[in-house]
Amino acid sequence: MGLGRHAAVGQFTRKDDTPVDFHIRGRIPALLKEAVCKGTLWALRREARKPGSSVWYKGGTRPEQPVPEPEVVPKP
């Protein structure tokens, strides 16, 4: 999400973080960003007041990503 309180741009991605050819812009994504930020602060404050009160969900399995082969440099 692009930063801004009055306007923002939200770019959607797949689970492997590749971009999707779809985005939203304007006031709606800015309100969404504000809600996420305020919700995060609310949850942190609540957890500080009453430890163990927040529930942290684990994500699903991530798609396999190939590990790049290291380059082998020949010795002179």
PDB file of N, CA and C in Angstrom:
ATOM      1  N   MET A   1       0.840  -1.185   0.000  1.00  0.00           N
ATOM      2  CA  MET A   1       0.000   0.000   0.000  1.00  0.00           C
ATOM      3  C   MET A   1       0.878   1.238   0.000  1.00  0.00           C
ATOM      4  N   GLY A   2       0.495   2.189  -0.781  1.00  0.00           N
ATOM      5  CA  GLY A   2       1.183   3.462  -0.784  1.00  0.00           C
ATOM      6  C   GLY A   2       0.812   4.254   0.454  1.00  0.00           C
ATOM      7  N   LEU A   3       1.753   5.011   0.957  1.00  0.00           N
ATOM      8  CA  LEU A   3       1.506   5.767   2.181  1.00  0.00           C
ATOM      9  C   LEU A   3       0.717   7.030   1.905  1.00  0.00           C
ATOM     10  N   GLY A   4      -0.126   7.376   2.837  1.00  0.00           N
ATOM     11  CA  GLY A   4      -0.912   8.586   2.740  1.00  0.00           C
ATOM     12  C   GLY A   4      -2.192   8.449   3.537  1.00  0.00           C
ATOM     13  N   ARG A   5      -2.625   9.536   4.185  1.00  0.00           N
ATOM     14  CA  ARG A   5      -3.849   9.483   4.982  1.00  0.00           C
ATOM     15  C   ARG A   5      -5.081   9.823   4.159  1.00  0.00           C
ATOM     16  N   HIS A   6      -4.900  10.542   3.067  1.00  0.00           N
ATOM     17  CA  HIS A   6      -6.045  10.973   2.281  1.00  0.00           C
ATOM     18  C   HIS A   6      -6.139  10.281   0.927  1.00  0.00           C
ATOM     19  N   ALA A   7      -5.044   9.692   0.478  1.00  0.00           N
ATOM     20  CA  ALA A   7      -5.058   8.948  -0.783  1.00  0.00           C
ATOM     21  C   ALA A   7      -3.943   7.915  -0.733  1.00  0.00           C
ATOM     22  N   ALA A   8      -4.184   6.777  -1.340  1.00  0.00           N
ATOM     23  CA  ALA A   8      -3.184   5.710  -1.344  1.00  0.00           C
ATOM     24  C   ALA A   8      -3.386   4.842  -2.571  1.00  0.00           C
ATOM     25  N   VAL A   9      -2.410   3.983  -2.810  1.00  0.00           N
ATOM     26  CA  VAL A   9      -2.493   3.011  -3.891  1.00  0.00           C
ATOM     27  C   VAL A   9      -2.264   1.645  -3.276  1.00  0.00           C
ATOM     28  N   GLY A  10      -3.148   0.705  -3.577  1.00  0.00           N
ATOM     29  CA  GLY A  10      -2.999  -0.661  -3.082  1.00  0.00           C
ATOM     30  C   GLY A  10      -2.760  -1.603  -4.247  1.00  0.00           C
ATOM     31  N   GLN A  11      -1.606  -2.277  -4.255  1.00  0.00           N
ATOM     32  CA  GLN A  11      -1.270  -3.232  -5.307  1.00  0.00           C
ATOM     33  C   GLN A  11      -1.452  -4.631  -4.736  1.00  0.00           C
ATOM     34  N   PHE A  12      -2.185  -5.466  -5.426  1.00  0.00           N
ATOM     35  CA  PHE A  12      -2.444  -6.822  -4.963  1.00  0.00           C
ATOM     36  C   PHE A  12      -1.376  -7.766  -5.489  1.00  0.00           C
ATOM     37  N   THR A  13      -1.099  -8.827  -4.714  1.00  0.00           N
ATOM     38  CA  THR A  13      -0.109  -9.819  -5.101  1.00  0.00           C
ATOM     39  C   THR A  13      -0.634 -11.220  -4.837  1.00  0.00           C
ATOM     40  N   ARG A  14       0.044 -12.191  -5.425  1.00  0.00           N
ATOM     41  CA  ARG A  14      -0.263 -13.590  -5.159  1.00  0.00           C
ATOM     42  C   ARG A  14       0.457 -14.023  -3.889  1.00  0.00           C
ATOM     43  N   LYS A  15       0.255 -15.290  -3.480  1.00  0.00           N
ATOM     44  CA  LYS A  15       0.904 -15.787  -2.266  1.00  0.00           C
ATOM     45  C   LYS A  15       2.418 -15.770  -2.362  1.00  0.00           C
ATOM     46  N   ASP A  16       2.943 -15.898  -3.568  1.00  0.00           N
ATOM     47  CA  ASP A  16       4.406 -15.892  -3.721  1.00  0.00           C
ATOM     48  C   ASP A  16       4.941 -14.483  -3.994  1.00  0.00           C
ATOM     49  N   ASP A  17       4.140 -13.462  -3.728  1.00  0.00           N
ATOM     50  CA  ASP A  17       4.488 -12.045  -3.858  1.00  0.00           C
ATOM     51  C   ASP A  17       4.699 -11.568  -5.287  1.00  0.00           C
ATOM     52  N   THR A  18       4.228 -12.300  -6.261  1.00  0.00           N
ATOM     53  CA  THR A  18       4.264 -11.775  -7.622  1.00  0.00           C
ATOM     54  C   THR A  18       3.048 -10.878  -7.813  1.00  0.00           C
ATOM     55  N   PRO A  19       3.223  -9.738  -8.476  1.00  0.00           N
ATOM     56  CA  PRO A  19       2.116  -8.792  -8.599  1.00  0.00           C
ATOM     57  C   PRO A  19       1.005  -9.294  -9.509  1.00  0.00           C
ATOM     58  N   VAL A  20      -0.210  -8.863  -9.198  1.00  0.00           N
ATOM     59  CA  VAL A  20      -1.390  -9.138 -10.012  1.00  0.00           C
ATOM     60  C   VAL A  20      -1.705  -7.860 -10.773  1.00  0.00           C
ATOM     61  N   ASP A  21      -2.245  -7.980 -11.951  1.00  0.00           N
ATOM     62  CA  ASP A  21      -2.546  -6.807 -12.769  1.00  0.00           C
ATOM     63  C   ASP A  21      -3.840  -6.138 -12.287  1.00  0.00           C
ATOM     64  N   PHE A  22      -3.856  -5.738 -11.012  1.00  0.00           N
ATOM     65  CA  PHE A  22      -5.023  -5.081 -10.429  1.00  0.00           C
ATOM     66  C   PHE A  22      -4.556  -4.218  -9.268  1.00  0.00           C
ATOM     67  N   HIS A  23      -5.057  -3.014  -9.193  1.00  0.00           N
ATOM     68  CA  HIS A  23      -4.745  -2.131  -8.068  1.00  0.00           C
ATOM     69  C   HIS A  23      -5.953  -1.241  -7.791  1.00  0.00           C
ATOM     70  N   ILE A  24      -5.972  -0.671  -6.595  1.00  0.00           N
ATOM     71  CA  ILE A  24      -7.001   0.312  -6.256  1.00  0.00           C
ATOM     72  C   ILE A  24      -6.292   1.557  -5.759  1.00  0.00           C
ATOM     73  N   ARG A  25      -6.912   2.687  -5.965  1.00  0.00           N
ATOM     74  CA  ARG A  25      -6.314   3.942  -5.512  1.00  0.00           C
ATOM     75  C   ARG A  25      -7.395   4.894  -5.059  1.00  0.00           C
ATOM     76  N   GLY A  26      -6.985   5.830  -4.229  1.00  0.00           N
ATOM     77  CA  GLY A  26      -7.918   6.828  -3.736  1.00  0.00           C
ATOM     78  C   GLY A  26      -8.121   6.734  -2.232  1.00  0.00           C
ATOM     79  N   ARG A  27      -9.310   7.108  -1.798  1.00  0.00           N
ATOM     80  CA  ARG A  27      -9.620   7.196  -0.377  1.00  0.00           C
ATOM     81  C   ARG A  27      -9.828   5.825   0.268  1.00  0.00           C
ATOM     82  N   ILE A  28     -10.389   4.866  -0.462  1.00  0.00           N
ATOM     83  CA  ILE A  28     -10.686   3.544   0.112  1.00  0.00           C
ATOM     84  C   ILE A  28      -9.418   2.847   0.607  1.00  0.00           C
ATOM     85  N   PRO A  29      -8.358   2.720  -0.210  1.00  0.00           N
ATOM     86  CA  PRO A  29      -7.152   2.075   0.319  1.00  0.00           C
ATOM     87  C   PRO A  29      -6.494   2.878   1.440  1.00  0.00           C
ATOM     88  N   ALA A  30      -6.646   4.204   1.431  1.00  0.00           N
ATOM     89  CA  ALA A  30      -6.103   5.009   2.530  1.00  0.00           C
ATOM     90  C   ALA A  30      -6.841   4.690   3.831  1.00  0.00           C
ATOM     91  N   LEU A  31      -8.152   4.548   3.761  1.00  0.00           N
ATOM     92  CA  LEU A  31      -8.920   4.176   4.957  1.00  0.00           C
ATOM     93  C   LEU A  31      -8.557   2.775   5.429  1.00  0.00           C
ATOM     94  N   LEU A  32      -8.335   1.879   4.490  1.00  0.00           N
ATOM     95  CA  LEU A  32      -7.937   0.520   4.839  1.00  0.00           C
ATOM     96  C   LEU A  32      -6.587   0.507   5.550  1.00  0.00           C
ATOM     97  N   LYS A  33      -5.635   1.278   5.046  1.00  0.00           N
ATOM     98  CA  LYS A  33      -4.310   1.372   5.669  1.00  0.00           C
ATOM     99  C   LYS A  33      -4.417   1.939   7.075  1.00  0.00           C
ATOM    100  N   GLU A  34      -5.217   2.976   7.253  1.00  0.00           N
ATOM    101  CA  GLU A  34      -5.408   3.571   8.576  1.00  0.00           C
ATOM    102  C   GLU A  34      -6.012   2.557   9.546  1.00  0.00           C
ATOM    103  N   ALA A  35      -6.981   1.771   9.068  1.00  0.00           N
ATOM    104  CA  ALA A  35      -7.615   0.766   9.924  1.00  0.00           C
ATOM    105  C   ALA A  35      -6.608  -0.297  10.346  1.00  0.00           C
ATOM    106  N   VAL A  36      -5.747  -0.726   9.435  1.00  0.00           N
ATOM    107  CA  VAL A  36      -4.736  -1.729   9.769  1.00  0.00           C
ATOM    108  C   VAL A  36      -3.760  -1.173  10.794  1.00  0.00           C
ATOM    109  N   CYS A  37      -3.302   0.059  10.604  1.00  0.00           N
ATOM    110  CA  CYS A  37      -2.364   0.670  11.557  1.00  0.00           C
ATOM    111  C   CYS A  37      -2.993   0.836  12.931  1.00  0.00           C
ATOM    112  N   LYS A  38      -4.213   1.346  12.982  1.00  0.00           N
ATOM    113  CA  LYS A  38      -4.888   1.524  14.275  1.00  0.00           C
ATOM    114  C   LYS A  38      -5.179   0.192  14.944  1.00  0.00           C
ATOM    115  N   GLY A  39      -5.568  -0.806  14.159  1.00  0.00           N
ATOM    116  CA  GLY A  39      -5.835  -2.127  14.712  1.00  0.00           C
ATOM    117  C   GLY A  39      -4.587  -2.772  15.281  1.00  0.00           C
ATOM    118  N   THR A  40      -3.454  -2.571  14.623  1.00  0.00           N
ATOM    119  CA  THR A  40      -2.190  -3.112  15.117  1.00  0.00           C
ATOM    120  C   THR A  40      -1.817  -2.475  16.450  1.00  0.00           C
ATOM    121  N   LEU A  41      -1.938  -1.161  16.537  1.00  0.00           N
ATOM    122  CA  LEU A  41      -1.636  -0.481  17.799  1.00  0.00           C
ATOM    123  C   LEU A  41      -2.588  -0.915  18.909  1.00  0.00           C
ATOM    124  N   TRP A  42      -3.864  -1.063  18.575  1.00  0.00           N
ATOM    125  CA  TRP A  42      -4.844  -1.507  19.562  1.00  0.00           C
ATOM    126  C   TRP A  42      -4.476  -2.881  20.103  1.00  0.00           C
ATOM    127  N   ALA A  43      -4.099  -3.801  19.209  1.00  0.00           N
ATOM    128  CA  ALA A  43      -3.753  -5.160  19.627  1.00  0.00           C
ATOM    129  C   ALA A  43      -2.484  -5.169  20.479  1.00  0.00           C
ATOM    130  N   LEU A  44      -1.501  -4.358  20.125  1.00  0.00           N
ATOM    131  CA  LEU A  44      -0.270  -4.296  20.917  1.00  0.00           C
ATOM    132  C   LEU A  44      -0.536  -3.734  22.311  1.00  0.00           C
ATOM    133  N   ARG A  45      -1.349  -2.692  22.389  1.00  0.00           N
ATOM    134  CA  ARG A  45      -1.683  -2.117  23.706  1.00  0.00           C
ATOM    135  C   ARG A  45      -2.468  -3.108  24.550  1.00  0.00           C
ATOM    136  N   ARG A  46      -3.397  -3.803  23.927  1.00  0.00           N
ATOM    137  CA  ARG A  46      -4.203  -4.798  24.646  1.00  0.00           C
ATOM    138  C   ARG A  46      -3.319  -5.930  25.173  1.00  0.00           C
ATOM    139  N   GLU A  47      -2.391  -6.398  24.349  1.00  0.00           N
ATOM    140  CA  GLU A  47      -1.479  -7.463  24.764  1.00  0.00           C
ATOM    141  C   GLU A  47      -0.572  -6.991  25.901  1.00  0.00           C
ATOM    142  N   ALA A  48      -0.168  -5.717  25.870  1.00  0.00           N
ATOM    143  CA  ALA A  48       0.673  -5.185  26.949  1.00  0.00           C
ATOM    144  C   ALA A  48      -0.099  -5.119  28.266  1.00  0.00           C
ATOM    145  N   ARG A  49      -1.395  -4.767  28.201  1.00  0.00           N
ATOM    146  CA  ARG A  49      -2.210  -4.697  29.414  1.00  0.00           C
ATOM    147  C   ARG A  49      -2.539  -6.070  29.963  1.00  0.00           C
ATOM    148  N   LYS A  50      -2.831  -6.999  29.065  1.00  0.00           N
ATOM    149  CA  LYS A  50      -3.264  -8.336  29.478  1.00  0.00           C
ATOM    150  C   LYS A  50      -2.530  -9.372  28.612  1.00  0.00           C
ATOM    151  N   PRO A  51      -1.346  -9.798  29.047  1.00  0.00           N
ATOM    152  CA  PRO A  51      -0.568 -10.755  28.243  1.00  0.00           C
ATOM    153  C   PRO A  51      -1.355 -12.034  27.962  1.00  0.00           C
ATOM    154  N   GLY A  52      -1.231 -12.522  26.744  1.00  0.00           N
ATOM    155  CA  GLY A  52      -1.925 -13.730  26.334  1.00  0.00           C
ATOM    156  C   GLY A  52      -3.314 -13.484  25.790  1.00  0.00           C
ATOM    157  N   SER A  53      -3.738 -12.221  25.723  1.00  0.00           N
ATOM    158  CA  SER A  53      -5.093 -11.925  25.265  1.00  0.00           C
ATOM    159  C   SER A  53      -5.219 -11.925  23.737  1.00  0.00           C
ATOM    160  N   SER A  54      -4.104 -11.746  23.046  1.00  0.00           N
ATOM    161  CA  SER A  54      -4.154 -11.723  21.586  1.00  0.00           C
ATOM    162  C   SER A  54      -3.943 -13.118  21.025  1.00  0.00           C
ATOM    163  N   VAL A  55      -4.605 -13.374  19.920  1.00  0.00           N
ATOM    164  CA  VAL A  55      -4.460 -14.646  19.224  1.00  0.00           C
ATOM    165  C   VAL A  55      -3.672 -14.383  17.948  1.00  0.00           C
ATOM    166  N   TRP A  56      -2.598 -15.117  17.761  1.00  0.00           N
ATOM    167  CA  TRP A  56      -1.776 -14.959  16.568  1.00  0.00           C
ATOM    168  C   TRP A  56      -1.990 -16.176  15.692  1.00  0.00           C
ATOM    169  N   TYR A  57      -2.540 -15.957  14.518  1.00  0.00           N
ATOM    170  CA  TYR A  57      -2.819 -17.041  13.597  1.00  0.00           C
ATOM    171  C   TYR A  57      -1.576 -17.368  12.784  1.00  0.00           C
ATOM    172  N   LYS A  58      -1.341 -18.641  12.596  1.00  0.00           N
ATOM    173  CA  LYS A  58      -0.231 -19.059  11.754  1.00  0.00           C
ATOM    174  C   LYS A  58      -0.706 -19.090  10.313  1.00  0.00           C
ATOM    175  N   GLY A  59       0.179 -18.747   9.414  1.00  0.00           N
ATOM    176  CA  GLY A  59      -0.163 -18.772   8.000  1.00  0.00           C
ATOM    177  C   GLY A  59      -0.161 -20.190   7.462  1.00  0.00           C
ATOM    178  N   GLY A  60      -0.677 -20.350   6.284  1.00  0.00           N
ATOM    179  CA  GLY A  60      -0.694 -21.655   5.637  1.00  0.00           C
ATOM    180  C   GLY A  60       0.672 -21.998   5.083  1.00  0.00           C
ATOM    181  N   THR A  61       0.734 -23.079   4.360  1.00  0.00           N
ATOM    182  CA  THR A  61       1.997 -23.479   3.762  1.00  0.00           C
ATOM    183  C   THR A  61       2.338 -22.533   2.625  1.00  0.00           C
ATOM    184  N   ARG A  62       3.605 -22.244   2.499  1.00  0.00           N
ATOM    185  CA  ARG A  62       4.062 -21.359   1.440  1.00  0.00           C
ATOM    186  C   ARG A  62       4.428 -22.178   0.215  1.00  0.00           C
ATOM    187  N   PRO A  63       4.220 -21.645  -0.954  1.00  0.00           N
ATOM    188  CA  PRO A  63       4.601 -22.392  -2.152  1.00  0.00           C
ATOM    189  C   PRO A  63       6.113 -22.576  -2.210  1.00  0.00           C
ATOM    190  N   GLU A  64       6.531 -23.707  -2.752  1.00  0.00           N
ATOM    191  CA  GLU A  64       7.958 -23.975  -2.890  1.00  0.00           C
ATOM    192  C   GLU A  64       8.583 -22.957  -3.831  1.00  0.00           C
ATOM    193  N   GLN A  65       9.711 -22.423  -3.409  1.00  0.00           N
ATOM    194  CA  GLN A  65      10.442 -21.494  -4.258  1.00  0.00           C
ATOM    195  C   GLN A  65      11.813 -22.090  -4.532  1.00  0.00           C
ATOM    196  N   PRO A  66      12.227 -22.137  -5.784  1.00  0.00           N
ATOM    197  CA  PRO A  66      13.536 -22.728  -6.070  1.00  0.00           C
ATOM    198  C   PRO A  66      14.664 -21.901  -5.472  1.00  0.00           C
ATOM    199  N   VAL A  67      15.644 -22.596  -4.950  1.00  0.00           N
ATOM    200  CA  VAL A  67      16.819 -21.936  -4.391  1.00  0.00           C
ATOM    201  C   VAL A  67      17.811 -21.728  -5.525  1.00  0.00           C
ATOM    202  N   PRO A  68      18.270 -20.490  -5.716  1.00  0.00           N
ATOM    203  CA  PRO A  68      19.207 -20.258  -6.813  1.00  0.00           C
ATOM    204  C   PRO A  68      20.541 -20.977  -6.557  1.00  0.00           C
ATOM    205  N   GLU A  69      21.090 -21.518  -7.621  1.00  0.00           N
ATOM    206  CA  GLU A  69      22.375 -22.201  -7.514  1.00  0.00           C
ATOM    207  C   GLU A  69      23.479 -21.167  -7.302  1.00  0.00           C
ATOM    208  N   PRO A  70      24.416 -21.439  -6.372  1.00  0.00           N
ATOM    209  CA  PRO A  70      25.517 -20.484  -6.175  1.00  0.00           C
ATOM    210  C   PRO A  70      26.472 -20.511  -7.370  1.00  0.00           C
ATOM    211  N   GLU A  71      27.025 -19.345  -7.663  1.00  0.00           N
ATOM    212  CA  GLU A  71      27.982 -19.274  -8.758  1.00  0.00           C
ATOM    213  C   GLU A  71      29.315 -19.821  -8.296  1.00  0.00           C
ATOM    214  N   VAL A  72      29.902 -20.667  -9.125  1.00  0.00           N
ATOM    215  CA  VAL A  72      31.212 -21.225  -8.813  1.00  0.00           C
ATOM    216  C   VAL A  72      32.244 -20.484  -9.662  1.00  0.00           C
ATOM    217  N   VAL A  73      33.171 -19.843  -8.969  1.00  0.00           N
ATOM    218  CA  VAL A  73      34.210 -19.082  -9.665  1.00  0.00           C
ATOM    219  C   VAL A  73      35.462 -19.963  -9.683  1.00  0.00           C
ATOM    220  N   PRO A  74      35.993 -20.273 -10.877  1.00  0.00           N
ATOM    221  CA  PRO A  74      37.211 -21.119 -10.933  1.00  0.00           C
ATOM    222  C   PRO A  74      38.400 -20.390 -10.350  1.00  0.00           C
ATOM    223  N   LYS A  75      39.258 -21.144  -9.695  1.00  0.00           N
ATOM    224  CA  LYS A  75      40.490 -20.565  -9.124  1.00  0.00           C
ATOM    225  C   LYS A  75      41.506 -20.386 -10.233  1.00  0.00           C
ATOM    226  N   PRO A  76      42.262 -19.281 -10.202  1.00  0.00           N
ATOM    227  CA  PRO A  76      43.271 -19.043 -11.268  1.00  0.00           C
ATOM    228  C   PRO A  76      44.487 -19.920 -11.120  1.00  0.00           C
TER     229      PRO A  76
END
